[in-house]
Amino acid sequence: MFEGITEGLTNAFSAFRGTGKITESNIRDGMKQVRQALLEADVAYDIAQDFVQRVTAQAVGEQVLKSLRPDEQVVGIVHQGLIDLMGPVDHSLAIKRTGVSVIMMCGLQGSGKTTTCGKLARMLKESEQRPMLVAADLQRPAAIEQLKVIGEQVGCPVYAEDPARSDPVQVCRNGVKEAKRQGLNVVILDTAGRLGIDEELMKELQRIDSRVGPDQCLFVCDAMTGQDAVNSAKAFNEALELDGVVLTKLDGDTRGGAALSVKAVTGVPIKYVGVGEQLDRLEEFHPDRMAGRILGMGDVLSLVEKAQREFDEDEMLAQQQKMQEGKFTLDDFRKQMGQIKKLGSMGEVMKMIPGMGKMVDQMGDMNPEDDMRRIEGIINSMTLDERSNPDKIDRSRRHRIADGSGVEASDVNKLLKDFQSMSKLMQDMSGMGLRDRMKAVKQLADQGMMDPNTDLREKKIRSKRGPLDAVAAREKRKNKRKDAKKAKKRNRRR
């Protein structure tokens, strides 16, 4: 997500780097590029203009102009500006201690509203609430059946009536009564949508709002529609006084304009974001973390939270102990890959780690998921003894494993060599805290150690000195090249 705006802002910030002392003139030039990046991301013109004016006013301050690292100061000011633009956010849903709390979900057709109802129900169940879904969308023929299927998947009861004999308002009121009868404490109303905003739709939603009296009204909008999503949110807010927005399809090819504009245009905060079709892919929206992703800083906190939810803690502690003792095997590696898959696509996971976003761009058409499947296939073709003692795998065993997994013998050989290097790295990192591990990973990515196009010379250095030593070697050569370029420039001036 946000690849376009991230690239645009990165290019804008390059105007501040390598120029020595920053002047007011090049700050203003750089901010013009920031505005252009925002506009290309489909951010509303007024919002982009106001944002750049406020950030520029701070950036041309005396403290930034005299700073030892003014470029970092400017990035920091933009980062805080993005946080202010998208926040603050209150994730609470006003669940009452007694009685039934009603959450009304509204939005246009195709925004993912019905699926989001299921995701929200799943999230509430995980927080020990007792939700019921109410099928109040009587316009779309398949909506009721879709909600019933989703309700079954998340283990949540669904209240529905015959659409030919029912009225949406009455369905909602009856659904609340049924929830009270069953001793449930949260009702989620899946209301009707249209292909566009019209008077009939708004009147129906206003009747539900006035007669049922929901405690929260959330607007679900498709982030991929850009500025149209913001305009829709504004219209729904004027009719219903929204309490929050849920942005869906944020994992798609979105330019980011909706996420950056909704709060500023409507005054309504984005509470949640949908980042996939699966019913567990609904996340709380954190402006500070989103700003970090947009600026290519990663989002370690969200990654850690995901890992805490998905990973088997006992299994991870056992594997960490094995790493420290140097007993980490290929079978352990396969289990770790299975844990990582639970976090989502490798591309998105890598972008959440600081410094790894560039590596994803370097990979081009390469698919990390395909590589993981191939590696898993190779390991599955080994015996338990071979996984525990890879040194036993000789030429004949390599060919047998390659035949069993549908790869070349050279692929098996490469995996064994890479695993040997990786085991040493993981052993070195096992004693580090989370912050130090992230620094080590970022350093490796910055120096190209994780670049699939690393040349043969780097591989030799890595095998002789170990992965972390190779980083220092590469940095030294990089500095030498920089010094040589500077010397050439000085000679030309003379």
Protein backbone atom coordinates (compact mmCIF):
# COMPACT_ATOMS: atom_id res chain seq x y z
CA MET A 1 0.00 0.00 0.00
CA PHE A 2 1.00 3.66 -0.52
CA GLU A 3 3.92 2.79 -2.84
CA GLY A 4 3.21 5.85 -5.01
CA ILE A 5 3.10 8.43 -2.24
CA THR A 6 6.07 6.82 -0.44
CA GLU A 7 8.16 7.07 -3.60
CA GLY A 8 7.02 10.65 -4.22
CA LEU A 9 7.87 11.81 -0.70
CA THR A 10 11.22 9.98 -0.79
CA ASN A 11 12.11 11.86 -3.97
CA ALA A 12 11.01 15.12 -2.35
CA PHE A 13 13.20 14.51 0.71
CA SER A 14 16.21 13.81 -1.51
CA ALA A 15 16.26 17.56 -2.20
CA PHE A 16 17.32 18.08 1.42
CA ARG A 17 20.10 15.49 1.49
CA GLY A 18 23.72 16.03 0.58
CA THR A 19 23.32 19.82 0.34
CA GLY A 20 25.14 20.68 3.57
CA LYS A 21 23.29 23.47 5.30
CA ILE A 22 19.63 23.72 4.26
CA THR A 23 18.33 27.10 3.14
CA GLU A 24 14.81 28.46 3.13
CA SER A 25 14.87 28.33 -0.66
CA ASN A 26 15.55 24.59 -0.99
CA ILE A 27 13.06 23.82 1.81
CA ARG A 28 10.35 25.57 -0.22
CA ASP A 29 11.46 23.74 -3.40
CA GLY A 30 11.32 20.41 -1.57
CA MET A 31 7.89 21.19 -0.15
CA LYS A 32 6.57 21.81 -3.66
CA GLN A 33 7.53 18.21 -4.43
CA VAL A 34 5.82 17.06 -1.21
CA ARG A 35 2.62 18.80 -2.37
CA GLN A 36 2.93 17.19 -5.80
CA ALA A 37 3.33 13.74 -4.18
CA LEU A 38 0.19 14.32 -2.07
CA LEU A 39 -1.86 15.45 -5.07
CA GLU A 40 -0.72 12.45 -7.13
CA ALA A 41 -1.85 10.24 -4.24
CA ASP A 42 -5.35 11.70 -4.72
CA VAL A 43 -5.30 13.84 -1.57
CA ALA A 44 -7.83 16.69 -1.78
CA TYR A 45 -6.21 19.88 -3.14
CA ASP A 46 -7.23 22.06 -0.17
CA ILE A 47 -5.89 19.47 2.29
CA ALA A 48 -2.58 19.14 0.43
CA GLN A 49 -2.18 22.92 0.19
CA ASP A 50 -2.94 23.49 3.88
CA PHE A 51 -0.66 20.62 4.94
CA VAL A 52 2.32 21.94 2.95
CA GLN A 53 1.81 25.49 4.24
CA ARG A 54 1.81 24.32 7.87
CA VAL A 55 4.81 22.01 7.43
CA THR A 56 6.76 24.66 5.50
CA ALA A 57 6.15 27.23 8.25
CA GLN A 58 7.72 24.83 10.75
CA ALA A 59 10.51 23.68 8.45
CA VAL A 60 11.84 27.18 7.72
CA GLY A 61 12.16 27.86 11.44
CA GLU A 62 15.54 28.88 12.81
CA GLN A 63 15.99 25.57 14.69
CA VAL A 64 15.76 23.50 11.48
CA LEU A 65 17.92 25.80 9.37
CA LYS A 66 20.73 25.65 11.96
CA SER A 67 20.34 21.94 12.76
CA LEU A 68 23.30 19.59 12.26
CA ARG A 69 21.00 17.18 10.37
CA PRO A 70 18.31 19.46 8.95
CA ASP A 71 17.14 16.83 6.45
CA GLU A 72 16.18 14.51 9.30
CA GLN A 73 14.45 17.40 11.06
CA VAL A 74 12.35 18.08 7.96
CA VAL A 75 11.35 14.41 7.67
CA GLY A 76 10.39 14.48 11.35
CA ILE A 77 8.20 17.56 10.84
CA VAL A 78 6.43 15.93 7.86
CA HIS A 79 5.98 12.76 9.91
CA GLN A 80 4.29 14.67 12.73
CA GLY A 81 2.23 16.61 10.18
CA LEU A 82 0.88 13.35 8.74
CA ILE A 83 0.00 12.12 12.24
CA ASP A 84 -1.89 15.34 12.97
CA LEU A 85 -3.66 15.09 9.59
CA MET A 86 -4.98 11.56 10.25
CA GLY A 87 -5.51 11.64 14.03
CA PRO A 88 -6.31 11.50 16.83
CA VAL A 89 -8.33 8.26 16.87
CA ASP A 90 -10.49 6.64 19.54
CA HIS A 91 -10.90 2.91 18.81
CA SER A 92 -13.61 2.34 21.43
CA LEU A 93 -17.09 1.29 20.24
CA ALA A 94 -19.11 2.56 23.22
CA ILE A 95 -20.04 -0.94 24.38
CA LYS A 96 -22.40 -0.55 27.34
CA ARG A 97 -21.85 -2.48 30.56
CA THR A 98 -25.50 -3.54 30.65
CA GLY A 99 -28.10 -3.99 27.94
CA VAL A 100 -27.50 -4.21 24.19
CA SER A 101 -25.11 -1.91 22.29
CA VAL A 102 -26.09 -1.28 18.66
CA ILE A 103 -23.51 -0.60 15.92
CA MET A 104 -24.91 0.58 12.59
CA MET A 105 -22.75 -0.12 9.53
CA CYS A 106 -23.43 1.91 6.38
CA GLY A 107 -21.78 2.44 3.02
CA LEU A 108 -22.15 2.10 -0.74
CA GLN A 109 -22.46 -1.21 -2.55
CA GLY A 110 -19.13 -2.85 -3.28
CA SER A 111 -17.32 -1.18 -0.39
CA GLY A 112 -16.98 -4.45 1.55
CA LYS A 113 -19.61 -3.53 4.16
CA THR A 114 -21.08 -7.02 4.72
CA THR A 115 -17.63 -8.61 5.01
CA THR A 116 -16.56 -5.86 7.41
CA CYS A 117 -19.60 -6.64 9.59
CA GLY A 118 -18.27 -10.20 9.91
CA LYS A 119 -14.74 -8.99 10.64
CA LEU A 120 -16.03 -6.67 13.35
CA ALA A 121 -18.09 -9.49 14.88
CA ARG A 122 -14.99 -11.69 14.97
CA MET A 123 -12.96 -8.92 16.61
CA LEU A 124 -15.68 -8.37 19.24
CA LYS A 125 -15.84 -12.11 19.99
CA GLU A 126 -12.07 -12.13 20.55
CA SER A 127 -12.53 -9.35 23.12
CA GLU A 128 -15.11 -11.54 24.93
CA GLN A 129 -18.23 -9.70 23.68
CA ARG A 130 -21.36 -11.54 22.48
CA PRO A 131 -22.36 -10.07 19.09
CA MET A 132 -25.29 -10.71 16.76
CA LEU A 133 -25.38 -9.79 13.07
CA VAL A 134 -28.62 -8.36 11.66
CA ALA A 135 -29.31 -8.66 7.91
CA ALA A 136 -30.98 -5.30 7.23
CA ASP A 137 -29.79 -5.01 3.60
CA LEU A 138 -32.97 -5.93 1.76
CA GLN A 139 -31.88 -4.33 -1.54
CA ARG A 140 -29.12 -6.71 -2.62
CA PRO A 141 -30.56 -10.22 -3.18
CA ALA A 142 -27.46 -12.12 -2.01
CA ALA A 143 -26.68 -9.90 1.00
CA ILE A 144 -28.72 -11.94 3.51
CA GLU A 145 -27.23 -15.28 2.42
CA GLN A 146 -23.73 -13.77 2.39
CA LEU A 147 -24.16 -12.54 5.96
CA LYS A 148 -25.44 -15.96 7.08
CA VAL A 149 -22.35 -17.65 5.60
CA ILE A 150 -20.04 -15.11 7.26
CA GLY A 151 -21.89 -15.50 10.57
CA GLU A 152 -21.35 -19.26 10.44
CA GLN A 153 -17.64 -18.78 9.69
CA VAL A 154 -17.09 -16.51 12.70
CA GLY A 155 -19.49 -18.41 14.99
CA CYS A 156 -21.90 -15.50 15.35
CA PRO A 157 -25.75 -15.73 15.23
CA VAL A 158 -27.47 -13.89 12.35
CA TYR A 159 -30.98 -12.43 12.53
CA ALA A 160 -32.80 -12.26 9.18
CA GLU A 161 -36.36 -12.00 7.84
CA ASP A 162 -38.04 -12.57 4.47
CA PRO A 163 -37.07 -9.48 2.41
CA ALA A 164 -40.39 -9.59 0.50
CA ARG A 165 -42.41 -9.16 3.71
CA SER A 166 -40.08 -7.02 5.79
CA ASP A 167 -39.11 -3.40 6.31
CA PRO A 168 -35.43 -2.57 7.13
CA VAL A 169 -36.39 -0.55 10.22
CA GLN A 170 -38.55 -3.36 11.58
CA VAL A 171 -35.83 -5.94 10.87
CA CYS A 172 -33.34 -3.86 12.91
CA ARG A 173 -35.77 -3.40 15.81
CA ASN A 174 -36.67 -7.09 15.83
CA GLY A 175 -32.98 -8.00 15.68
CA VAL A 176 -32.28 -5.93 18.82
CA LYS A 177 -35.19 -7.63 20.61
CA GLU A 178 -33.89 -11.07 19.61
CA ALA A 179 -30.39 -10.21 20.87
CA LYS A 180 -31.87 -9.23 24.26
CA ARG A 181 -33.85 -12.49 24.37
CA GLN A 182 -30.68 -14.54 23.69
CA GLY A 183 -28.63 -12.62 26.25
CA LEU A 184 -26.27 -11.08 23.65
CA ASN A 185 -24.78 -7.65 24.25
CA VAL A 186 -23.81 -6.24 20.81
CA VAL A 187 -25.90 -5.93 17.63
CA ILE A 188 -24.25 -5.13 14.28
CA LEU A 189 -26.69 -3.80 11.68
CA ASP A 190 -25.72 -4.57 8.07
CA THR A 191 -27.74 -1.87 6.31
CA ALA A 192 -28.43 -1.45 2.59
CA GLY A 193 -26.14 0.32 0.16
CA ARG A 194 -26.51 1.70 -3.36
CA LEU A 195 -24.18 2.10 -6.31
CA GLY A 196 -24.27 5.83 -5.56
CA ILE A 197 -25.61 8.26 -2.99
CA ASP A 198 -29.33 8.94 -3.48
CA GLU A 199 -32.19 10.44 -1.47
CA GLU A 200 -34.01 7.12 -0.99
CA LEU A 201 -30.93 5.48 0.57
CA MET A 202 -30.32 8.36 2.96
CA LYS A 203 -33.96 8.47 4.08
CA GLU A 204 -33.91 4.73 4.84
CA LEU A 205 -30.71 5.06 6.89
CA GLN A 206 -32.06 8.11 8.72
CA ARG A 207 -35.22 6.16 9.68
CA ILE A 208 -33.10 3.35 11.11
CA ASP A 209 -30.94 5.90 12.92
CA SER A 210 -33.91 7.69 14.52
CA ARG A 211 -36.07 4.65 15.39
CA VAL A 212 -33.40 2.16 16.48
CA GLY A 213 -30.99 4.68 18.04
CA PRO A 214 -27.59 3.02 17.39
CA ASP A 215 -24.78 3.72 19.84
CA GLN A 216 -22.22 3.91 17.02
CA CYS A 217 -22.56 4.60 13.31
CA LEU A 218 -19.59 3.48 11.20
CA PHE A 219 -19.14 4.28 7.52
CA VAL A 220 -17.41 1.62 5.40
CA CYS A 221 -15.63 2.94 2.31
CA ASP A 222 -13.36 1.51 -0.36
CA ALA A 223 -9.89 3.10 -0.12
CA MET A 224 -9.25 2.29 -3.78
CA THR A 225 -11.87 4.83 -4.89
CA GLY A 226 -9.63 7.64 -3.62
CA GLN A 227 -11.30 11.03 -3.49
CA ASP A 228 -14.74 9.50 -4.18
CA ALA A 229 -14.43 7.69 -0.84
CA VAL A 230 -13.85 11.02 0.91
CA ASN A 231 -16.82 12.66 -0.84
CA SER A 232 -19.05 9.70 0.12
CA ALA A 233 -17.91 9.89 3.75
CA LYS A 234 -18.74 13.60 3.79
CA ALA A 235 -22.28 13.00 2.43
CA PHE A 236 -23.01 10.15 4.86
CA ASN A 237 -21.67 12.20 7.79
CA GLU A 238 -23.98 15.13 6.93
CA ALA A 239 -26.96 12.75 6.92
CA LEU A 240 -26.11 10.53 9.91
CA GLU A 241 -23.37 12.14 12.04
CA LEU A 242 -20.85 9.31 11.77
CA ASP A 243 -18.77 8.12 14.73
CA GLY A 244 -16.02 6.58 12.65
CA VAL A 245 -14.83 5.29 9.28
CA VAL A 246 -13.62 1.83 8.24
CA LEU A 247 -11.32 1.93 5.20
CA THR A 248 -11.39 -1.32 3.23
CA LYS A 249 -9.08 -2.74 0.53
CA LEU A 250 -6.10 -0.85 1.94
CA ASP A 251 -3.93 -3.77 0.81
CA GLY A 252 -4.82 -3.12 -2.82
CA ASP A 253 -3.35 -0.72 -5.37
CA THR A 254 -4.43 2.36 -3.43
CA ARG A 255 -2.79 5.76 -3.75
CA GLY A 256 -3.48 6.65 -0.13
CA GLY A 257 -5.52 9.82 -0.68
CA ALA A 258 -8.54 8.52 1.26
CA ALA A 259 -6.52 7.68 4.37
CA LEU A 260 -4.91 11.12 4.34
CA SER A 261 -8.07 13.11 3.55
CA VAL A 262 -11.03 11.53 5.37
CA LYS A 263 -10.36 12.94 8.84
CA ALA A 264 -9.43 16.41 7.55
CA VAL A 265 -12.48 16.71 5.27
CA THR A 266 -15.16 15.17 7.51
CA GLY A 267 -13.74 15.49 11.01
CA VAL A 268 -14.59 11.79 11.45
CA PRO A 269 -11.68 9.54 12.47
CA ILE A 270 -10.69 6.34 10.70
CA LYS A 271 -11.19 3.69 13.40
CA TYR A 272 -10.33 0.52 11.49
CA VAL A 273 -8.75 -0.59 8.21
CA GLY A 274 -9.37 -3.74 6.20
CA VAL A 275 -6.14 -5.20 4.81
CA GLY A 276 -7.36 -8.38 3.15
CA GLU A 277 -10.45 -10.46 2.37
CA GLN A 278 -9.96 -12.93 5.25
CA LEU A 279 -12.21 -12.36 8.26
CA ASP A 280 -9.23 -11.80 10.56
CA ARG A 281 -7.83 -8.94 8.45
CA LEU A 282 -9.36 -5.97 10.27
CA GLU A 283 -6.93 -3.76 12.18
CA GLU A 284 -7.16 -0.71 14.39
CA PHE A 285 -6.02 2.43 12.57
CA HIS A 286 -3.00 4.12 14.17
CA PRO A 287 -2.07 7.46 12.54
CA ASP A 288 1.51 7.37 13.85
CA ARG A 289 2.12 3.87 12.47
CA MET A 290 0.48 4.73 9.15
CA ALA A 291 2.63 7.86 8.86
CA GLY A 292 5.69 5.68 9.44
CA ARG A 293 4.66 3.32 6.64
CA ILE A 294 3.99 6.21 4.26
CA LEU A 295 7.47 7.62 4.92
CA GLY A 296 9.11 4.20 4.51
CA MET A 297 9.94 3.91 8.23
CA GLY A 298 8.15 0.58 8.66
CA ASP A 299 5.65 -0.35 11.36
CA VAL A 300 7.32 -2.61 13.90
CA LEU A 301 4.62 -2.20 16.56
CA SER A 302 1.86 -3.57 14.30
CA LEU A 303 4.15 -6.42 13.23
CA VAL A 304 4.88 -7.32 16.87
CA GLU A 305 1.16 -7.21 17.73
CA LYS A 306 0.41 -9.51 14.80
CA ALA A 307 3.14 -11.90 15.88
CA GLN A 308 1.83 -11.97 19.46
CA ARG A 309 -1.65 -12.88 18.17
CA GLU A 310 -0.56 -15.49 15.63
CA PHE A 311 2.61 -17.12 16.96
CA ASP A 312 2.73 -20.05 19.37
CA GLU A 313 4.69 -18.52 22.25
CA ASP A 314 5.95 -21.83 23.69
CA GLU A 315 7.12 -22.97 20.27
CA MET A 316 8.93 -19.67 19.63
CA LEU A 317 10.68 -19.79 23.04
CA ALA A 318 11.81 -23.35 22.36
CA GLN A 319 13.21 -22.35 18.95
CA GLN A 320 14.98 -19.33 20.43
CA GLN A 321 16.64 -21.62 22.97
CA LYS A 322 17.77 -23.88 20.12
CA MET A 323 19.24 -20.87 18.27
CA GLN A 324 21.26 -19.82 21.32
CA GLU A 325 22.60 -23.35 21.70
CA GLY A 326 23.39 -23.65 17.98
CA LYS A 327 20.90 -26.53 17.57
CA PHE A 328 18.55 -24.85 15.10
CA THR A 329 17.60 -27.38 12.39
CA LEU A 330 15.98 -27.29 8.97
CA ASP A 331 12.83 -28.69 10.57
CA ASP A 332 12.78 -25.75 12.99
CA PHE A 333 13.28 -23.42 10.02
CA ARG A 334 10.27 -24.98 8.26
CA LYS A 335 8.14 -24.47 11.39
CA GLN A 336 9.21 -20.82 11.54
CA MET A 337 8.17 -20.31 7.92
CA GLY A 338 4.75 -21.70 8.85
CA GLN A 339 4.50 -19.15 11.67
CA ILE A 340 5.54 -16.30 9.37
CA LYS A 341 2.86 -17.22 6.81
CA LYS A 342 0.21 -16.41 9.44
CA LEU A 343 1.28 -12.76 9.35
CA GLY A 344 0.17 -12.27 5.73
CA SER A 345 2.06 -11.77 2.47
CA MET A 346 5.84 -11.58 2.80
CA GLY A 347 5.91 -8.34 0.82
CA GLU A 348 3.68 -6.55 3.34
CA VAL A 349 5.52 -8.07 6.32
CA MET A 350 8.88 -6.92 4.95
CA LYS A 351 7.59 -3.38 4.43
CA MET A 352 6.67 -3.20 8.12
CA ILE A 353 10.33 -3.71 9.07
CA PRO A 354 12.38 -0.47 8.94
CA GLY A 355 14.78 -0.46 5.99
CA MET A 356 13.22 -3.46 4.26
CA GLY A 357 10.88 -1.51 1.97
CA LYS A 358 13.73 -0.86 -0.47
CA MET A 359 14.51 -4.54 -0.59
CA VAL A 360 10.94 -5.33 -1.69
CA ASP A 361 11.31 -2.81 -4.54
CA GLN A 362 14.64 -4.40 -5.55
CA MET A 363 12.98 -7.79 -5.86
CA GLY A 364 10.90 -6.65 -8.85
CA ASP A 365 8.77 -9.54 -10.15
CA MET A 366 10.24 -12.02 -7.65
CA ASN A 367 7.59 -13.53 -5.37
CA PRO A 368 8.75 -14.34 -1.81
CA GLU A 369 5.77 -16.69 -1.33
CA ASP A 370 6.93 -18.82 -4.28
CA ASP A 371 10.43 -19.01 -2.80
CA MET A 372 9.01 -20.08 0.58
CA ARG A 373 6.91 -22.80 -1.04
CA ARG A 374 9.94 -24.08 -2.96
CA ILE A 375 12.08 -24.13 0.21
CA GLU A 376 9.32 -25.89 2.11
CA GLY A 377 9.05 -28.48 -0.66
CA ILE A 378 12.80 -29.15 -0.52
CA ILE A 379 12.76 -29.58 3.28
CA ASN A 380 9.68 -31.85 3.10
CA SER A 381 11.59 -34.13 0.70
CA MET A 382 14.32 -34.69 3.33
CA THR A 383 14.27 -37.36 6.02
CA LEU A 384 14.03 -36.27 9.67
CA ASP A 385 17.67 -37.25 10.10
CA GLU A 386 18.73 -35.09 7.14
CA ARG A 387 16.80 -32.09 8.49
CA SER A 388 18.57 -32.43 11.84
CA ASN A 389 21.99 -33.17 10.30
CA PRO A 390 22.24 -31.39 6.93
CA ASP A 391 25.98 -32.16 6.78
CA LYS A 392 25.01 -35.75 5.93
CA ILE A 393 23.42 -34.64 2.66
CA ASP A 394 25.93 -35.76 0.00
CA ARG A 395 25.71 -35.67 -3.79
CA SER A 396 23.35 -38.67 -4.15
CA ARG A 397 21.04 -37.40 -1.39
CA ARG A 398 20.93 -33.96 -3.00
CA HIS A 399 19.75 -35.49 -6.28
CA ARG A 400 17.12 -37.59 -4.47
CA ILE A 401 15.79 -34.53 -2.60
CA ALA A 402 15.77 -32.48 -5.83
CA ASP A 403 13.77 -35.17 -7.65
CA GLY A 404 11.31 -35.40 -4.76
CA SER A 405 10.69 -31.63 -4.63
CA GLY A 406 10.78 -30.90 -8.37
CA VAL A 407 13.84 -28.63 -8.29
CA GLU A 408 17.46 -28.77 -9.46
CA ALA A 409 20.20 -30.26 -7.28
CA SER A 410 21.84 -26.81 -7.33
CA ASP A 411 18.73 -25.39 -5.60
CA VAL A 412 19.12 -27.92 -2.79
CA ASN A 413 22.80 -27.06 -2.50
CA LYS A 414 22.01 -23.34 -2.36
CA LEU A 415 19.44 -23.86 0.41
CA LEU A 416 21.95 -25.79 2.49
CA LYS A 417 24.61 -23.09 2.10
CA ASP A 418 22.15 -20.28 2.84
CA PHE A 419 20.85 -22.14 5.88
CA GLN A 420 24.37 -22.52 7.23
CA SER A 421 24.97 -18.75 6.95
CA MET A 422 21.52 -17.92 8.28
CA SER A 423 21.96 -20.21 11.31
CA LYS A 424 25.09 -18.29 12.28
CA LEU A 425 23.26 -14.97 11.89
CA MET A 426 20.26 -16.15 13.91
CA GLN A 427 22.55 -17.43 16.64
CA ASP A 428 24.23 -14.00 16.79
CA MET A 429 20.86 -12.24 16.92
CA SER A 430 19.19 -14.60 19.42
CA GLY A 431 20.74 -12.81 22.40
CA MET A 432 19.67 -9.37 21.17
CA GLY A 433 16.59 -7.42 22.26
CA LEU A 434 13.87 -6.56 19.72
CA ARG A 435 15.27 -3.08 19.03
CA ASP A 436 18.79 -4.44 18.37
CA ARG A 437 17.42 -7.17 16.12
CA MET A 438 15.56 -4.61 14.03
CA LYS A 439 18.71 -2.50 13.80
CA ALA A 440 20.69 -5.53 12.62
CA VAL A 441 18.07 -6.43 10.00
CA LYS A 442 17.89 -2.80 8.82
CA GLN A 443 21.69 -2.65 8.58
CA LEU A 444 21.78 -5.82 6.51
CA ALA A 445 19.07 -4.47 4.17
CA ASP A 446 20.75 -1.06 3.84
CA GLN A 447 24.04 -2.67 2.87
CA GLY A 448 22.46 -4.97 0.28
CA MET A 449 23.11 -8.21 2.16
CA MET A 450 19.48 -9.19 1.60
CA ASP A 451 19.41 -8.04 -2.02
CA PRO A 452 18.76 -11.01 -4.35
CA ASN A 453 21.23 -9.47 -6.83
CA THR A 454 24.17 -9.51 -4.39
CA ASP A 455 27.27 -10.29 -6.45
CA LEU A 456 29.61 -13.25 -6.07
CA ARG A 457 32.28 -11.18 -4.33
CA GLU A 458 29.85 -10.35 -1.52
CA LYS A 459 28.96 -14.01 -1.16
CA LYS A 460 32.62 -14.88 -0.71
CA ILE A 461 33.04 -12.21 1.96
CA ARG A 462 29.92 -13.45 3.71
CA SER A 463 31.08 -17.07 3.76
CA LYS A 464 34.56 -16.17 5.10
CA ARG A 465 33.68 -13.59 7.71
CA GLY A 466 30.02 -14.19 8.58
CA PRO A 467 26.98 -12.03 7.67
CA LEU A 468 27.48 -9.26 10.22
CA ASP A 469 31.19 -8.82 9.38
CA ALA A 470 30.32 -8.58 5.70
CA VAL A 471 28.13 -5.57 6.46
CA ALA A 472 31.13 -3.69 7.82
CA ALA A 473 33.24 -4.69 4.82
CA ARG A 474 30.64 -3.46 2.38
CA GLU A 475 30.23 -0.19 4.30
CA LYS A 476 34.00 0.39 4.15
CA ARG A 477 34.08 -0.06 0.36
CA LYS A 478 31.03 2.17 0.00
CA ASN A 479 32.75 4.96 1.93
CA LYS A 480 35.86 4.56 -0.23
CA ARG A 481 33.78 5.01 -3.38
CA LYS A 482 32.18 8.14 -1.91
CA ASP A 483 35.59 9.57 -1.02
CA ALA A 484 36.86 8.84 -4.54
CA LYS A 485 33.88 10.67 -6.09
CA LYS A 486 34.44 13.69 -3.84
CA ALA A 487 38.13 13.74 -4.79
CA LYS A 488 37.23 13.72 -8.50
CA LYS A 489 34.85 16.65 -8.01
CA ARG A 490 37.55 18.65 -6.21
CA ASN A 491 40.04 17.95 -9.00
CA ARG A 492 37.57 19.12 -11.65
CA ARG A 493 36.99 22.40 -9.80
CA ARG A 494 40.76 23.01 -9.68
